[in-house]
Amino acid sequence: MEREQLARIAHEIAELEAMVAAAAQNKPTGQRVRFRYEWLQRDLQLVRDGITQHVDAPRQPRPAPPLRGDYRQ
């Protein structure tokens, strides 16, 4: 259930990214104070990537090579 919800959130963020890109195309020029669309886009991508990595992570622990164990010669 959690993975499904996170996948849905990642999908919604992707749609939001498209909306932000469209807004950035229509931003006014010559304003003294401007909105940093590129910062918002980067932050949204970081959040989406973090969610995607968690959702796509294997559900089983990764196998690790055995330890040698005897450190004395």
N, C-alpha and C. Protein backbone atom coordinates (compact mmCIF):
# COMPACT_ATOMS: atom_id res chain seq x y z
N MET A 1 0.83 -1.19 0.00
CA MET A 1 0.00 0.00 0.00
C MET A 1 0.87 1.26 0.00
N GLU A 2 1.93 1.24 0.82
CA GLU A 2 2.80 2.42 0.89
C GLU A 2 3.47 2.67 -0.45
N ARG A 3 3.98 1.62 -1.07
CA ARG A 3 4.66 1.78 -2.36
C ARG A 3 3.71 2.33 -3.43
N GLU A 4 2.48 1.89 -3.42
CA GLU A 4 1.49 2.40 -4.37
C GLU A 4 1.25 3.89 -4.14
N GLN A 5 1.14 4.28 -2.88
CA GLN A 5 0.91 5.69 -2.57
C GLN A 5 2.12 6.54 -2.96
N LEU A 6 3.31 6.04 -2.70
CA LEU A 6 4.52 6.78 -3.07
C LEU A 6 4.65 6.88 -4.59
N ALA A 7 4.32 5.82 -5.29
CA ALA A 7 4.36 5.86 -6.75
C ALA A 7 3.36 6.89 -7.27
N ARG A 8 2.21 6.97 -6.65
CA ARG A 8 1.20 7.97 -7.04
C ARG A 8 1.73 9.39 -6.79
N ILE A 9 2.38 9.59 -5.66
CA ILE A 9 2.96 10.90 -5.35
C ILE A 9 4.02 11.27 -6.38
N ALA A 10 4.89 10.31 -6.74
CA ALA A 10 5.92 10.57 -7.75
C ALA A 10 5.28 10.95 -9.08
N HIS A 11 4.19 10.28 -9.43
CA HIS A 11 3.48 10.60 -10.67
C HIS A 11 2.89 12.02 -10.60
N GLU A 12 2.32 12.37 -9.48
CA GLU A 12 1.74 13.71 -9.31
C GLU A 12 2.83 14.78 -9.38
N ILE A 13 4.00 14.49 -8.83
CA ILE A 13 5.12 15.44 -8.90
C ILE A 13 5.55 15.62 -10.34
N ALA A 14 5.58 14.55 -11.12
CA ALA A 14 5.93 14.65 -12.54
C ALA A 14 4.93 15.55 -13.27
N GLU A 15 3.66 15.43 -12.96
CA GLU A 15 2.66 16.31 -13.57
C GLU A 15 2.87 17.76 -13.12
N LEU A 16 3.20 17.94 -11.86
CA LEU A 16 3.48 19.27 -11.33
C LEU A 16 4.70 19.89 -12.02
N GLU A 17 5.70 19.06 -12.30
CA GLU A 17 6.89 19.55 -13.01
C GLU A 17 6.52 20.08 -14.39
N ALA A 18 5.61 19.42 -15.06
CA ALA A 18 5.15 19.89 -16.38
C ALA A 18 4.44 21.24 -16.24
N MET A 19 3.65 21.40 -15.19
CA MET A 19 2.97 22.66 -14.97
C MET A 19 3.96 23.78 -14.67
N VAL A 20 4.98 23.48 -13.90
CA VAL A 20 6.01 24.48 -13.57
C VAL A 20 6.77 24.87 -14.85
N ALA A 21 7.08 23.90 -15.69
CA ALA A 21 7.78 24.19 -16.94
C ALA A 21 6.93 25.10 -17.82
N ALA A 22 5.62 24.85 -17.88
CA ALA A 22 4.74 25.71 -18.68
C ALA A 22 4.68 27.12 -18.09
N ALA A 23 4.62 27.23 -16.78
CA ALA A 23 4.60 28.54 -16.14
C ALA A 23 5.91 29.29 -16.39
N ALA A 24 7.02 28.56 -16.39
CA ALA A 24 8.32 29.19 -16.64
C ALA A 24 8.39 29.76 -18.06
N GLN A 25 7.71 29.11 -19.00
CA GLN A 25 7.69 29.61 -20.38
C GLN A 25 6.94 30.94 -20.49
N ASN A 26 6.00 31.15 -19.59
CA ASN A 26 5.16 32.35 -19.64
C ASN A 26 5.53 33.39 -18.60
N LYS A 27 6.70 33.27 -18.00
CA LYS A 27 7.08 34.20 -16.95
C LYS A 27 7.31 35.60 -17.53
N PRO A 28 6.92 36.61 -16.77
CA PRO A 28 7.13 37.98 -17.25
C PRO A 28 8.62 38.34 -17.21
N THR A 29 9.00 39.26 -18.05
CA THR A 29 10.40 39.70 -18.08
C THR A 29 10.49 41.12 -17.52
N GLY A 30 11.68 41.46 -17.07
CA GLY A 30 11.94 42.81 -16.60
C GLY A 30 11.43 43.13 -15.21
N GLN A 31 11.08 42.12 -14.45
CA GLN A 31 10.62 42.37 -13.09
C GLN A 31 11.81 42.44 -12.14
N ARG A 32 11.67 43.27 -11.12
CA ARG A 32 12.73 43.39 -10.13
C ARG A 32 12.84 42.13 -9.27
N VAL A 33 11.72 41.61 -8.88
CA VAL A 33 11.68 40.36 -8.11
C VAL A 33 11.09 39.29 -9.02
N ARG A 34 11.80 38.19 -9.16
CA ARG A 34 11.31 37.14 -10.04
C ARG A 34 11.29 35.81 -9.31
N PHE A 35 10.42 34.94 -9.77
CA PHE A 35 10.28 33.61 -9.20
C PHE A 35 11.34 32.71 -9.80
N ARG A 36 12.01 31.93 -8.97
CA ARG A 36 13.08 31.03 -9.42
C ARG A 36 12.51 29.67 -9.81
N TYR A 37 11.99 29.60 -11.01
CA TYR A 37 11.41 28.35 -11.51
C TYR A 37 12.44 27.22 -11.54
N GLU A 38 13.67 27.53 -11.90
CA GLU A 38 14.69 26.48 -11.99
C GLU A 38 14.98 25.88 -10.62
N TRP A 39 14.89 26.68 -9.57
CA TRP A 39 15.10 26.14 -8.22
C TRP A 39 13.95 25.21 -7.84
N LEU A 40 12.73 25.62 -8.14
CA LEU A 40 11.57 24.79 -7.86
C LEU A 40 11.64 23.49 -8.65
N GLN A 41 12.02 23.58 -9.92
CA GLN A 41 12.14 22.37 -10.75
C GLN A 41 13.18 21.42 -10.19
N ARG A 42 14.31 21.94 -9.74
CA ARG A 42 15.36 21.09 -9.17
C ARG A 42 14.88 20.42 -7.89
N ASP A 43 14.20 21.18 -7.03
CA ASP A 43 13.71 20.60 -5.78
C ASP A 43 12.65 19.53 -6.03
N LEU A 44 11.75 19.77 -6.96
CA LEU A 44 10.74 18.77 -7.29
C LEU A 44 11.38 17.50 -7.83
N GLN A 45 12.40 17.67 -8.66
CA GLN A 45 13.10 16.51 -9.21
C GLN A 45 13.80 15.72 -8.11
N LEU A 46 14.41 16.42 -7.15
CA LEU A 46 15.08 15.73 -6.04
C LEU A 46 14.08 14.91 -5.23
N VAL A 47 12.93 15.49 -4.94
CA VAL A 47 11.91 14.77 -4.17
C VAL A 47 11.40 13.56 -4.96
N ARG A 48 11.10 13.78 -6.25
CA ARG A 48 10.60 12.68 -7.08
C ARG A 48 11.64 11.57 -7.20
N ASP A 49 12.90 11.93 -7.41
CA ASP A 49 13.96 10.92 -7.52
C ASP A 49 14.11 10.13 -6.23
N GLY A 50 14.03 10.80 -5.08
CA GLY A 50 14.12 10.10 -3.80
C GLY A 50 13.00 9.10 -3.61
N ILE A 51 11.79 9.50 -3.97
CA ILE A 51 10.64 8.60 -3.87
C ILE A 51 10.81 7.42 -4.82
N THR A 52 11.21 7.71 -6.04
CA THR A 52 11.38 6.65 -7.05
C THR A 52 12.45 5.66 -6.63
N GLN A 53 13.54 6.14 -6.09
CA GLN A 53 14.60 5.23 -5.63
C GLN A 53 14.10 4.32 -4.52
N HIS A 54 13.29 4.87 -3.62
CA HIS A 54 12.76 4.05 -2.53
C HIS A 54 11.78 3.01 -3.08
N VAL A 55 10.91 3.43 -3.98
CA VAL A 55 9.90 2.50 -4.54
C VAL A 55 10.57 1.41 -5.36
N ASP A 56 11.61 1.76 -6.11
CA ASP A 56 12.27 0.80 -6.98
C ASP A 56 13.32 -0.06 -6.27
N ALA A 57 13.60 0.24 -5.02
CA ALA A 57 14.61 -0.52 -4.28
C ALA A 57 14.15 -1.96 -4.09
N PRO A 58 15.08 -2.88 -4.13
CA PRO A 58 14.69 -4.28 -3.92
C PRO A 58 14.09 -4.47 -2.53
N ARG A 59 13.12 -5.33 -2.46
CA ARG A 59 12.45 -5.58 -1.18
C ARG A 59 13.25 -6.53 -0.30
N GLN A 60 14.17 -7.23 -0.90
CA GLN A 60 15.02 -8.15 -0.15
C GLN A 60 16.38 -7.50 0.07
N PRO A 61 17.02 -7.80 1.17
CA PRO A 61 18.38 -7.28 1.37
C PRO A 61 19.32 -7.81 0.29
N ARG A 62 20.27 -6.98 -0.09
CA ARG A 62 21.25 -7.42 -1.08
C ARG A 62 22.21 -8.41 -0.45
N PRO A 63 22.62 -9.43 -1.20
CA PRO A 63 23.59 -10.38 -0.66
C PRO A 63 24.95 -9.70 -0.48
N ALA A 64 25.58 -10.04 0.59
CA ALA A 64 26.92 -9.49 0.87
C ALA A 64 27.92 -10.64 0.86
N PRO A 65 29.13 -10.38 0.39
CA PRO A 65 30.13 -11.44 0.41
C PRO A 65 30.46 -11.82 1.85
N PRO A 66 30.80 -13.07 2.09
CA PRO A 66 31.11 -13.48 3.47
C PRO A 66 32.37 -12.78 3.98
N LEU A 67 32.38 -12.53 5.27
CA LEU A 67 33.56 -11.94 5.89
C LEU A 67 34.62 -13.01 6.08
N ARG A 68 35.86 -12.60 6.03
CA ARG A 68 36.95 -13.55 6.20
C ARG A 68 36.99 -14.04 7.66
N GLY A 69 36.91 -13.14 8.60
CA GLY A 69 36.78 -13.53 10.00
C GLY A 69 38.06 -13.68 10.78
N ASP A 70 39.10 -14.23 10.23
CA ASP A 70 40.35 -14.45 10.97
C ASP A 70 41.36 -13.40 10.53
N TYR A 71 41.65 -12.45 11.43
CA TYR A 71 42.49 -11.32 11.07
C TYR A 71 43.93 -11.48 11.59
N ARG A 72 44.22 -12.58 12.22
CA ARG A 72 45.58 -12.81 12.74
C ARG A 72 46.33 -13.74 11.83
N GLN A 73 47.63 -13.54 11.76
CA GLN A 73 48.48 -14.46 10.97
C GLN A 73 49.40 -15.18 11.85
